[in-house]
Amino acid sequence: MKVIRNKIIPIGRGFGAINLFGVLFAKQKMKLTPEVLNHEMIHTCQMRELGYVPFYIVYVVEWLIRMVQHRGKLYDAYYAISFEREAYANGSNPDYITHRRHFAQWR
C-alpha cells in the first residue's frame, strides 16, 4: 500500500490517516503502527471486493444510518460502521488478510 504523508489529508483533528482508493494519506505526526497499517489494508480489501466507488457509497450511506441510530454522535456512528467494525476487530491480527473471507464485514 502506498503511503503519502502530508499536512492536509485527512482533514480535522480526530483522524490521523485515511485510505483513499487504496492509497493511505497520513498526517506527518501520525505513528503508522503495524496495527494501523493492517487496519487500512483491511479497508483496501473491502474496496477491491465492492469496487472503489461502490465501497464509498455504501460507507457513506451506512454512516448516515448510524448517525441517526446514534443520535448524531460522530464517533459512535463511525465505530458502528460494518467496515470499521471488521477493521478494528482484526487490525491487530497480522495474518487476518491472508485468511479473510469475502465480504467479511457483513458476516
PDB file of N, CA and C in Angstrom:
ATOM      1  N   MET A   1       0.853  -1.165   0.000  1.00  0.00           N
ATOM      2  CA  MET A   1       0.000   0.000   0.000  1.00  0.00           C
ATOM      3  C   MET A   1       0.903   1.233   0.000  1.00  0.00           C
ATOM      4  N   LYS A   2       0.586   2.161  -0.876  1.00  0.00           N
ATOM      5  CA  LYS A   2       1.346   3.405  -0.937  1.00  0.00           C
ATOM      6  C   LYS A   2       0.913   4.308   0.212  1.00  0.00           C
ATOM      7  N   VAL A   3       1.886   4.936   0.876  1.00  0.00           N
ATOM      8  CA  VAL A   3       1.622   5.849   1.988  1.00  0.00           C
ATOM      9  C   VAL A   3       2.121   7.235   1.602  1.00  0.00           C
ATOM     10  N   ILE A   4       1.252   8.225   1.746  1.00  0.00           N
ATOM     11  CA  ILE A   4       1.621   9.617   1.477  1.00  0.00           C
ATOM     12  C   ILE A   4       1.436  10.400   2.767  1.00  0.00           C
ATOM     13  N   ARG A   5       2.520  10.947   3.265  1.00  0.00           N
ATOM     14  CA  ARG A   5       2.461  11.776   4.476  1.00  0.00           C
ATOM     15  C   ARG A   5       2.308  13.228   4.053  1.00  0.00           C
ATOM     16  N   ASN A   6       1.421  13.936   4.742  1.00  0.00           N
ATOM     17  CA  ASN A   6       1.173  15.330   4.389  1.00  0.00           C
ATOM     18  C   ASN A   6       0.543  16.056   5.569  1.00  0.00           C
ATOM     19  N   LYS A   7       0.299  17.347   5.401  1.00  0.00           N
ATOM     20  CA  LYS A   7      -0.283  18.170   6.470  1.00  0.00           C
ATOM     21  C   LYS A   7      -1.781  18.393   6.291  1.00  0.00           C
ATOM     22  N   ILE A   8      -2.332  18.045   5.144  1.00  0.00           N
ATOM     23  CA  ILE A   8      -3.708  18.416   4.830  1.00  0.00           C
ATOM     24  C   ILE A   8      -4.701  17.261   4.984  1.00  0.00           C
ATOM     25  N   ILE A   9      -4.408  16.120   4.391  1.00  0.00           N
ATOM     26  CA  ILE A   9      -5.344  14.990   4.381  1.00  0.00           C
ATOM     27  C   ILE A   9      -4.894  13.970   5.415  1.00  0.00           C
ATOM     28  N   PRO A  10      -5.733  13.506   6.296  1.00  0.00           N
ATOM     29  CA  PRO A  10      -7.156  13.796   6.424  1.00  0.00           C
ATOM     30  C   PRO A  10      -7.407  15.130   7.111  1.00  0.00           C
ATOM     31  N   ILE A  11      -8.540  15.710   6.798  1.00  0.00           N
ATOM     32  CA  ILE A  11      -8.937  16.992   7.372  1.00  0.00           C
ATOM     33  C   ILE A  11      -9.476  16.759   8.778  1.00  0.00           C
ATOM     34  N   GLY A  12      -9.175  17.663   9.659  1.00  0.00           N
ATOM     35  CA  GLY A  12      -9.697  17.575  11.025  1.00  0.00           C
ATOM     36  C   GLY A  12      -8.684  17.019  12.005  1.00  0.00           C
ATOM     37  N   ARG A  13      -8.983  17.187  13.272  1.00  0.00           N
ATOM     38  CA  ARG A  13      -8.062  16.762  14.328  1.00  0.00           C
ATOM     39  C   ARG A  13      -8.261  15.315  14.761  1.00  0.00           C
ATOM     40  N   GLY A  14      -9.449  14.779  14.553  1.00  0.00           N
ATOM     41  CA  GLY A  14      -9.772  13.468  15.099  1.00  0.00           C
ATOM     42  C   GLY A  14      -9.204  12.283  14.338  1.00  0.00           C
ATOM     43  N   PHE A  15      -8.741  12.507  13.125  1.00  0.00           N
ATOM     44  CA  PHE A  15      -8.267  11.402  12.302  1.00  0.00           C
ATOM     45  C   PHE A  15      -6.831  11.650  11.867  1.00  0.00           C
ATOM     46  N   GLY A  16      -6.006  10.616  11.971  1.00  0.00           N
ATOM     47  CA  GLY A  16      -4.598  10.746  11.605  1.00  0.00           C
ATOM     48  C   GLY A  16      -4.271  10.154  10.256  1.00  0.00           C
ATOM     49  N   ALA A  17      -5.172   9.308   9.730  1.00  0.00           N
ATOM     50  CA  ALA A  17      -4.926   8.662   8.444  1.00  0.00           C
ATOM     51  C   ALA A  17      -6.258   8.337   7.778  1.00  0.00           C
ATOM     52  N   ILE A  18      -6.222   8.297   6.452  1.00  0.00           N
ATOM     53  CA  ILE A  18      -7.409   7.913   5.682  1.00  0.00           C
ATOM     54  C   ILE A  18      -6.947   7.160   4.439  1.00  0.00           C
ATOM     55  N   ASN A  19      -7.669   6.115   4.106  1.00  0.00           N
ATOM     56  CA  ASN A  19      -7.373   5.300   2.941  1.00  0.00           C
ATOM     57  C   ASN A  19      -8.290   5.751   1.813  1.00  0.00           C
ATOM     58  N   LEU A  20      -7.715   6.321   0.779  1.00  0.00           N
ATOM     59  CA  LEU A  20      -8.493   6.769  -0.372  1.00  0.00           C
ATOM     60  C   LEU A  20      -8.068   5.979  -1.599  1.00  0.00           C
ATOM     61  N   PHE A  21      -8.951   5.124  -2.072  1.00  0.00           N
ATOM     62  CA  PHE A  21      -8.717   4.319  -3.263  1.00  0.00           C
ATOM     63  C   PHE A  21      -7.447   3.474  -3.157  1.00  0.00           C
ATOM     64  N   GLY A  22      -7.176   2.958  -1.967  1.00  0.00           N
ATOM     65  CA  GLY A  22      -6.029   2.087  -1.754  1.00  0.00           C
ATOM     66  C   GLY A  22      -4.726   2.807  -1.465  1.00  0.00           C
ATOM     67  N   VAL A  23      -4.770   4.123  -1.356  1.00  0.00           N
ATOM     68  CA  VAL A  23      -3.592   4.921  -1.001  1.00  0.00           C
ATOM     69  C   VAL A  23      -3.832   5.495   0.388  1.00  0.00           C
ATOM     70  N   LEU A  24      -2.872   5.303   1.274  1.00  0.00           N
ATOM     71  CA  LEU A  24      -3.011   5.781   2.648  1.00  0.00           C
ATOM     72  C   LEU A  24      -2.421   7.180   2.770  1.00  0.00           C
ATOM     73  N   PHE A  25      -3.271   8.138   3.130  1.00  0.00           N
ATOM     74  CA  PHE A  25      -2.834   9.501   3.410  1.00  0.00           C
ATOM     75  C   PHE A  25      -2.743   9.628   4.921  1.00  0.00           C
ATOM     76  N   ALA A  26      -1.578  10.031   5.411  1.00  0.00           N
ATOM     77  CA  ALA A  26      -1.373  10.127   6.859  1.00  0.00           C
ATOM     78  C   ALA A  26      -0.762  11.471   7.201  1.00  0.00           C
ATOM     79  N   LYS A  27      -1.230  12.013   8.311  1.00  0.00           N
ATOM     80  CA  LYS A  27      -0.613  13.243   8.798  1.00  0.00           C
ATOM     81  C   LYS A  27       0.830  12.931   9.177  1.00  0.00           C
ATOM     82  N   GLN A  28       1.681  13.928   9.041  1.00  0.00           N
ATOM     83  CA  GLN A  28       3.111  13.714   9.247  1.00  0.00           C
ATOM     84  C   GLN A  28       3.446  13.177  10.627  1.00  0.00           C
ATOM     85  N   LYS A  29       2.698  13.568  11.635  1.00  0.00           N
ATOM     86  CA  LYS A  29       2.998  13.138  13.001  1.00  0.00           C
ATOM     87  C   LYS A  29       2.308  11.829  13.384  1.00  0.00           C
ATOM     88  N   MET A  30       1.502  11.281  12.495  1.00  0.00           N
ATOM     89  CA  MET A  30       0.772  10.039  12.787  1.00  0.00           C
ATOM     90  C   MET A  30       1.744   8.862  12.852  1.00  0.00           C
ATOM     91  N   LYS A  31       1.667   8.101  13.930  1.00  0.00           N
ATOM     92  CA  LYS A  31       2.502   6.912  14.069  1.00  0.00           C
ATOM     93  C   LYS A  31       1.810   5.764  13.336  1.00  0.00           C
ATOM     94  N   LEU A  32       2.427   5.280  12.283  1.00  0.00           N
ATOM     95  CA  LEU A  32       1.845   4.201  11.495  1.00  0.00           C
ATOM     96  C   LEU A  32       2.341   2.863  12.032  1.00  0.00           C
ATOM     97  N   THR A  33       1.638   2.363  13.015  1.00  0.00           N
ATOM     98  CA  THR A  33       1.980   1.091  13.647  1.00  0.00           C
ATOM     99  C   THR A  33       1.559  -0.056  12.726  1.00  0.00           C
ATOM    100  N   PRO A  34       2.062  -1.259  12.977  1.00  0.00           N
ATOM    101  CA  PRO A  34       1.593  -2.413  12.189  1.00  0.00           C
ATOM    102  C   PRO A  34       0.073  -2.581  12.271  1.00  0.00           C
ATOM    103  N   GLU A  35      -0.514  -2.253  13.428  1.00  0.00           N
ATOM    104  CA  GLU A  35      -1.965  -2.363  13.587  1.00  0.00           C
ATOM    105  C   GLU A  35      -2.703  -1.372  12.690  1.00  0.00           C
ATOM    106  N   VAL A  36      -2.202  -0.149  12.626  1.00  0.00           N
ATOM    107  CA  VAL A  36      -2.829   0.870  11.771  1.00  0.00           C
ATOM    108  C   VAL A  36      -2.715   0.460  10.305  1.00  0.00           C
ATOM    109  N   LEU A  37      -1.545   0.010   9.899  1.00  0.00           N
ATOM    110  CA  LEU A  37      -1.351  -0.402   8.508  1.00  0.00           C
ATOM    111  C   LEU A  37      -2.236  -1.599   8.158  1.00  0.00           C
ATOM    112  N   ASN A  38      -2.356  -2.545   9.077  1.00  0.00           N
ATOM    113  CA  ASN A  38      -3.214  -3.706   8.837  1.00  0.00           C
ATOM    114  C   ASN A  38      -4.685  -3.278   8.749  1.00  0.00           C
ATOM    115  N   HIS A  39      -5.099  -2.376   9.628  1.00  0.00           N
ATOM    116  CA  HIS A  39      -6.463  -1.832   9.603  1.00  0.00           C
ATOM    117  C   HIS A  39      -6.754  -1.247   8.218  1.00  0.00           C
ATOM    118  N   GLU A  40      -5.826  -0.472   7.711  1.00  0.00           N
ATOM    119  CA  GLU A  40      -6.027   0.170   6.405  1.00  0.00           C
ATOM    120  C   GLU A  40      -5.969  -0.839   5.260  1.00  0.00           C
ATOM    121  N   MET A  41      -5.155  -1.893   5.400  1.00  0.00           N
ATOM    122  CA  MET A  41      -5.125  -2.949   4.383  1.00  0.00           C
ATOM    123  C   MET A  41      -6.464  -3.691   4.333  1.00  0.00           C
ATOM    124  N   ILE A  42      -7.088  -3.859   5.489  1.00  0.00           N
ATOM    125  CA  ILE A  42      -8.414  -4.477   5.520  1.00  0.00           C
ATOM    126  C   ILE A  42      -9.393  -3.619   4.718  1.00  0.00           C
ATOM    127  N   HIS A  43      -9.311  -2.297   4.882  1.00  0.00           N
ATOM    128  CA  HIS A  43     -10.173  -1.405   4.093  1.00  0.00           C
ATOM    129  C   HIS A  43      -9.877  -1.545   2.595  1.00  0.00           C
ATOM    130  N   THR A  44      -8.609  -1.686   2.238  1.00  0.00           N
ATOM    131  CA  THR A  44      -8.261  -1.861   0.829  1.00  0.00           C
ATOM    132  C   THR A  44      -8.885  -3.141   0.284  1.00  0.00           C
ATOM    133  N   CYS A  45      -8.864  -4.214   1.060  1.00  0.00           N
ATOM    134  CA  CYS A  45      -9.520  -5.468   0.644  1.00  0.00           C
ATOM    135  C   CYS A  45     -11.017  -5.258   0.452  1.00  0.00           C
ATOM    136  N   GLN A  46     -11.634  -4.529   1.371  1.00  0.00           N
ATOM    137  CA  GLN A  46     -13.067  -4.246   1.266  1.00  0.00           C
ATOM    138  C   GLN A  46     -13.364  -3.457  -0.010  1.00  0.00           C
ATOM    139  N   MET A  47     -12.516  -2.472  -0.307  1.00  0.00           N
ATOM    140  CA  MET A  47     -12.708  -1.643  -1.501  1.00  0.00           C
ATOM    141  C   MET A  47     -12.594  -2.472  -2.771  1.00  0.00           C
ATOM    142  N   ARG A  48     -11.601  -3.350  -2.808  1.00  0.00           N
ATOM    143  CA  ARG A  48     -11.392  -4.172  -4.003  1.00  0.00           C
ATOM    144  C   ARG A  48     -12.554  -5.131  -4.232  1.00  0.00           C
ATOM    145  N   GLU A  49     -13.138  -5.638  -3.167  1.00  0.00           N
ATOM    146  CA  GLU A  49     -14.279  -6.546  -3.296  1.00  0.00           C
ATOM    147  C   GLU A  49     -15.501  -5.851  -3.882  1.00  0.00           C
ATOM    148  N   LEU A  50     -15.814  -4.695  -3.344  1.00  0.00           N
ATOM    149  CA  LEU A  50     -17.029  -3.983  -3.754  1.00  0.00           C
ATOM    150  C   LEU A  50     -16.823  -3.097  -4.973  1.00  0.00           C
ATOM    151  N   GLY A  51     -15.583  -2.745  -5.236  1.00  0.00           N
ATOM    152  CA  GLY A  51     -15.270  -1.705  -6.199  1.00  0.00           C
ATOM    153  C   GLY A  51     -15.102  -0.416  -5.414  1.00  0.00           C
ATOM    154  N   TYR A  52     -14.189   0.433  -5.831  1.00  0.00           N
ATOM    155  CA  TYR A  52     -13.851   1.609  -5.034  1.00  0.00           C
ATOM    156  C   TYR A  52     -15.033   2.558  -4.853  1.00  0.00           C
ATOM    157  N   VAL A  53     -15.695   2.923  -5.930  1.00  0.00           N
ATOM    158  CA  VAL A  53     -16.812   3.872  -5.817  1.00  0.00           C
ATOM    159  C   VAL A  53     -17.986   3.259  -5.051  1.00  0.00           C
ATOM    160  N   PRO A  54     -18.418   2.023  -5.361  1.00  0.00           N
ATOM    161  CA  PRO A  54     -19.495   1.434  -4.555  1.00  0.00           C
ATOM    162  C   PRO A  54     -19.142   1.328  -3.069  1.00  0.00           C
ATOM    163  N   PHE A  55     -17.878   1.050  -2.759  1.00  0.00           N
ATOM    164  CA  PHE A  55     -17.458   0.995  -1.355  1.00  0.00           C
ATOM    165  C   PHE A  55     -17.773   2.314  -0.662  1.00  0.00           C
ATOM    166  N   TYR A  56     -17.376   3.423  -1.278  1.00  0.00           N
ATOM    167  CA  TYR A  56     -17.593   4.725  -0.643  1.00  0.00           C
ATOM    168  C   TYR A  56     -19.077   5.078  -0.561  1.00  0.00           C
ATOM    169  N   ILE A  57     -19.853   4.679  -1.551  1.00  0.00           N
ATOM    170  CA  ILE A  57     -21.298   4.933  -1.498  1.00  0.00           C
ATOM    171  C   ILE A  57     -21.915   4.178  -0.328  1.00  0.00           C
ATOM    172  N   VAL A  58     -21.607   2.883  -0.213  1.00  0.00           N
ATOM    173  CA  VAL A  58     -22.143   2.074   0.886  1.00  0.00           C
ATOM    174  C   VAL A  58     -21.647   2.607   2.224  1.00  0.00           C
ATOM    175  N   TYR A  59     -20.367   2.993   2.283  1.00  0.00           N
ATOM    176  CA  TYR A  59     -19.779   3.508   3.522  1.00  0.00           C
ATOM    177  C   TYR A  59     -20.536   4.751   3.995  1.00  0.00           C
ATOM    178  N   VAL A  60     -20.755   5.698   3.100  1.00  0.00           N
ATOM    179  CA  VAL A  60     -21.426   6.950   3.465  1.00  0.00           C
ATOM    180  C   VAL A  60     -22.885   6.701   3.836  1.00  0.00           C
ATOM    181  N   VAL A  61     -23.576   5.856   3.074  1.00  0.00           N
ATOM    182  CA  VAL A  61     -24.975   5.545   3.401  1.00  0.00           C
ATOM    183  C   VAL A  61     -25.056   4.892   4.774  1.00  0.00           C
ATOM    184  N   GLU A  62     -24.171   3.931   5.035  1.00  0.00           N
ATOM    185  CA  GLU A  62     -24.197   3.280   6.349  1.00  0.00           C
ATOM    186  C   GLU A  62     -23.850   4.274   7.456  1.00  0.00           C
ATOM    187  N   TRP A  63     -22.902   5.162   7.197  1.00  0.00           N
ATOM    188  CA  TRP A  63     -22.542   6.167   8.204  1.00  0.00           C
ATOM    189  C   TRP A  63     -23.742   7.066   8.522  1.00  0.00           C
ATOM    190  N   LEU A  64     -24.487   7.456   7.493  1.00  0.00           N
ATOM    191  CA  LEU A  64     -25.675   8.293   7.718  1.00  0.00           C
ATOM    192  C   LEU A  64     -26.724   7.552   8.545  1.00  0.00           C
ATOM    193  N   ILE A  65     -26.918   6.279   8.243  1.00  0.00           N
ATOM    194  CA  ILE A  65     -27.858   5.469   9.025  1.00  0.00           C
ATOM    195  C   ILE A  65     -27.389   5.375  10.470  1.00  0.00           C
ATOM    196  N   ARG A  66     -26.101   5.137  10.663  1.00  0.00           N
ATOM    197  CA  ARG A  66     -25.550   5.028  12.019  1.00  0.00           C
ATOM    198  C   ARG A  66     -25.627   6.367  12.759  1.00  0.00           C
ATOM    199  N   MET A  67     -25.516   7.477  12.034  1.00  0.00           N
ATOM    200  CA  MET A  67     -25.653   8.794  12.667  1.00  0.00           C
ATOM    201  C   MET A  67     -27.053   8.959  13.251  1.00  0.00           C
ATOM    202  N   VAL A  68     -28.059   8.495  12.527  1.00  0.00           N
ATOM    203  CA  VAL A  68     -29.432   8.556  13.035  1.00  0.00           C
ATOM    204  C   VAL A  68     -29.569   7.636  14.243  1.00  0.00           C
ATOM    205  N   GLN A  69     -29.060   6.412  14.118  1.00  0.00           N
ATOM    206  CA  GLN A  69     -29.153   5.445  15.218  1.00  0.00           C
ATOM    207  C   GLN A  69     -28.465   5.949  16.485  1.00  0.00           C
ATOM    208  N   HIS A  70     -27.337   6.641  16.296  1.00  0.00           N
ATOM    209  CA  HIS A  70     -26.546   7.108  17.442  1.00  0.00           C
ATOM    210  C   HIS A  70     -26.784   8.589  17.746  1.00  0.00           C
ATOM    211  N   ARG A  71     -27.881   9.111  17.219  1.00  0.00           N
ATOM    212  CA  ARG A  71     -28.341  10.475  17.514  1.00  0.00           C
ATOM    213  C   ARG A  71     -27.281  11.555  17.294  1.00  0.00           C
ATOM    214  N   GLY A  72     -26.610  11.443  16.164  1.00  0.00           N
ATOM    215  CA  GLY A  72     -25.660  12.470  15.774  1.00  0.00           C
ATOM    216  C   GLY A  72     -24.289  12.384  16.404  1.00  0.00           C
ATOM    217  N   LYS A  73     -24.019  11.351  17.146  1.00  0.00           N
ATOM    218  CA  LYS A  73     -22.693  11.204  17.768  1.00  0.00           C
ATOM    219  C   LYS A  73     -21.723  10.650  16.724  1.00  0.00           C
ATOM    220  N   LEU A  74     -20.862  11.532  16.225  1.00  0.00           N
ATOM    221  CA  LEU A  74     -19.970  11.223  15.111  1.00  0.00           C
ATOM    222  C   LEU A  74     -19.137   9.971  15.350  1.00  0.00           C
ATOM    223  N   TYR A  75     -18.438   9.911  16.475  1.00  0.00           N
ATOM    224  CA  TYR A  75     -17.520   8.797  16.712  1.00  0.00           C
ATOM    225  C   TYR A  75     -18.263   7.497  16.984  1.00  0.00           C
ATOM    226  N   ASP A  76     -19.393   7.559  17.664  1.00  0.00           N
ATOM    227  CA  ASP A  76     -20.193   6.350  17.882  1.00  0.00           C
ATOM    228  C   ASP A  76     -20.677   5.797  16.542  1.00  0.00           C
ATOM    229  N   ALA A  77     -21.125   6.683  15.667  1.00  0.00           N
ATOM    230  CA  ALA A  77     -21.585   6.260  14.346  1.00  0.00           C
ATOM    231  C   ALA A  77     -20.433   5.667  13.539  1.00  0.00           C
ATOM    232  N   TYR A  78     -19.275   6.304  13.597  1.00  0.00           N
ATOM    233  CA  TYR A  78     -18.089   5.825  12.874  1.00  0.00           C
ATOM    234  C   TYR A  78     -17.709   4.418  13.313  1.00  0.00           C
ATOM    235  N   TYR A  79     -17.634   4.186  14.613  1.00  0.00           N
ATOM    236  CA  TYR A  79     -17.225   2.871  15.117  1.00  0.00           C
ATOM    237  C   TYR A  79     -18.286   1.800  14.880  1.00  0.00           C
ATOM    238  N   ALA A  80     -19.515   2.191  14.575  1.00  0.00           N
ATOM    239  CA  ALA A  80     -20.592   1.233  14.317  1.00  0.00           C
ATOM    240  C   ALA A  80     -20.673   0.800  12.852  1.00  0.00           C
ATOM    241  N   ILE A  81     -19.961   1.468  11.966  1.00  0.00           N
ATOM    242  CA  ILE A  81     -19.978   1.112  10.547  1.00  0.00           C
ATOM    243  C   ILE A  81     -19.384  -0.286  10.388  1.00  0.00           C
ATOM    244  N   SER A  82     -20.032  -1.131   9.600  1.00  0.00           N
ATOM    245  CA  SER A  82     -19.593  -2.524   9.460  1.00  0.00           C
ATOM    246  C   SER A  82     -18.154  -2.632   8.968  1.00  0.00           C
ATOM    247  N   PHE A  83     -17.741  -1.770   8.064  1.00  0.00           N
ATOM    248  CA  PHE A  83     -16.369  -1.795   7.559  1.00  0.00           C
ATOM    249  C   PHE A  83     -15.371  -1.506   8.683  1.00  0.00           C
ATOM    250  N   GLU A  84     -15.712  -0.544   9.530  1.00  0.00           N
ATOM    251  CA  GLU A  84     -14.830  -0.187  10.644  1.00  0.00           C
ATOM    252  C   GLU A  84     -14.825  -1.268  11.725  1.00  0.00           C
ATOM    253  N   ARG A  85     -15.972  -1.866  11.970  1.00  0.00           N
ATOM    254  CA  ARG A  85     -16.022  -2.934  12.980  1.00  0.00           C
ATOM    255  C   ARG A  85     -15.091  -4.077  12.589  1.00  0.00           C
ATOM    256  N   GLU A  86     -15.122  -4.461  11.314  1.00  0.00           N
ATOM    257  CA  GLU A  86     -14.225  -5.528  10.862  1.00  0.00           C
ATOM    258  C   GLU A  86     -12.765  -5.103  10.984  1.00  0.00           C
ATOM    259  N   ALA A  87     -12.453  -3.895  10.542  1.00  0.00           N
ATOM    260  CA  ALA A  87     -11.058  -3.435  10.552  1.00  0.00           C
ATOM    261  C   ALA A  87     -10.520  -3.287  11.973  1.00  0.00           C
ATOM    262  N   TYR A  88     -11.316  -2.752  12.887  1.00  0.00           N
ATOM    263  CA  TYR A  88     -10.854  -2.613  14.271  1.00  0.00           C
ATOM    264  C   TYR A  88     -10.761  -3.965  14.969  1.00  0.00           C
ATOM    265  N   ALA A  89     -11.687  -4.861  14.694  1.00  0.00           N
ATOM    266  CA  ALA A  89     -11.677  -6.171  15.349  1.00  0.00           C
ATOM    267  C   ALA A  89     -10.480  -7.014  14.928  1.00  0.00           C
ATOM    268  N   ASN A  90      -9.950  -6.773  13.727  1.00  0.00           N
ATOM    269  CA  ASN A  90      -8.893  -7.627  13.197  1.00  0.00           C
ATOM    270  C   ASN A  90      -7.592  -6.902  12.887  1.00  0.00           C
ATOM    271  N   GLY A  91      -7.515  -5.625  13.213  1.00  0.00           N
ATOM    272  CA  GLY A  91      -6.321  -4.843  12.911  1.00  0.00           C
ATOM    273  C   GLY A  91      -5.061  -5.342  13.589  1.00  0.00           C
ATOM    274  N   SER A  92      -5.195  -5.982  14.732  1.00  0.00           N
ATOM    275  CA  SER A  92      -4.007  -6.459  15.456  1.00  0.00           C
ATOM    276  C   SER A  92      -3.602  -7.877  15.053  1.00  0.00           C
ATOM    277  N   ASN A  93      -4.329  -8.484  14.123  1.00  0.00           N
ATOM    278  CA  ASN A  93      -4.004  -9.829  13.651  1.00  0.00           C
ATOM    279  C   ASN A  93      -3.276  -9.725  12.313  1.00  0.00           C
ATOM    280  N   PRO A  94      -1.945  -9.893  12.305  1.00  0.00           N
ATOM    281  CA  PRO A  94      -1.194  -9.713  11.056  1.00  0.00           C
ATOM    282  C   PRO A  94      -1.524 -10.747   9.980  1.00  0.00           C
ATOM    283  N   ASP A  95      -2.112 -11.875  10.357  1.00  0.00           N
ATOM    284  CA  ASP A  95      -2.453 -12.915   9.387  1.00  0.00           C
ATOM    285  C   ASP A  95      -3.883 -12.801   8.862  1.00  0.00           C
ATOM    286  N   TYR A  96      -4.628 -11.841   9.363  1.00  0.00           N
ATOM    287  CA  TYR A  96      -6.046 -11.753   9.013  1.00  0.00           C
ATOM    288  C   TYR A  96      -6.273 -11.614   7.510  1.00  0.00           C
ATOM    289  N   ILE A  97      -5.495 -10.797   6.851  1.00  0.00           N
ATOM    290  CA  ILE A  97      -5.684 -10.547   5.415  1.00  0.00           C
ATOM    291  C   ILE A  97      -5.591 -11.852   4.619  1.00  0.00           C
ATOM    292  N   THR A  98      -4.667 -12.723   4.992  1.00  0.00           N
ATOM    293  CA  THR A  98      -4.480 -13.961   4.232  1.00  0.00           C
ATOM    294  C   THR A  98      -5.617 -14.957   4.448  1.00  0.00           C
ATOM    295  N   HIS A  99      -6.339 -14.834   5.565  1.00  0.00           N
ATOM    296  CA  HIS A  99      -7.423 -15.766   5.873  1.00  0.00           C
ATOM    297  C   HIS A  99      -8.809 -15.127   5.793  1.00  0.00           C
ATOM    298  N   ARG A 100      -8.865 -13.876   5.421  1.00  0.00           N
ATOM    299  CA  ARG A 100     -10.129 -13.136   5.405  1.00  0.00           C
ATOM    300  C   ARG A 100     -11.088 -13.716   4.377  1.00  0.00           C
ATOM    301  N   ARG A 101     -12.334 -13.890   4.792  1.00  0.00           N
ATOM    302  CA  ARG A 101     -13.380 -14.350   3.882  1.00  0.00           C
ATOM    303  C   ARG A 101     -13.966 -13.152   3.141  1.00  0.00           C
ATOM    304  N   HIS A 102     -14.422 -13.398   1.922  1.00  0.00           N
ATOM    305  CA  HIS A 102     -15.037 -12.325   1.140  1.00  0.00           C
ATOM    306  C   HIS A 102     -16.254 -11.757   1.863  1.00  0.00           C
ATOM    307  N   PHE A 103     -16.384 -10.450   1.803  1.00  0.00           N
ATOM    308  CA  PHE A 103     -17.500  -9.720   2.411  1.00  0.00           C
ATOM    309  C   PHE A 103     -17.615  -9.992   3.912  1.00  0.00           C
ATOM    310  N   ALA A 104     -16.470 -10.150   4.557  1.00  0.00           N
ATOM    311  CA  ALA A 104     -16.431 -10.453   5.998  1.00  0.00           C
ATOM    312  C   ALA A 104     -17.054  -9.344   6.836  1.00  0.00           C
ATOM    313  N   GLN A 105     -17.109  -8.131   6.323  1.00  0.00           N
ATOM    314  CA  GLN A 105     -17.690  -7.027   7.092  1.00  0.00           C
ATOM    315  C   GLN A 105     -19.168  -7.243   7.366  1.00  0.00           C
ATOM    316  N   TRP A 106     -19.819  -8.113   6.603  1.00  0.00           N
ATOM    317  CA  TRP A 106     -21.250  -8.357   6.785  1.00  0.00           C
ATOM    318  C   TRP A 106     -21.551  -9.734   7.374  1.00  0.00           C
ATOM    319  N   ARG A 107     -20.548 -10.407   7.866  1.00  0.00           N
ATOM    320  CA  ARG A 107     -20.760 -11.749   8.461  1.00  0.00           C
ATOM    321  C   ARG A 107     -20.877 -11.643   9.951  1.00  0.00           C
TER     322      ARG A 107
END
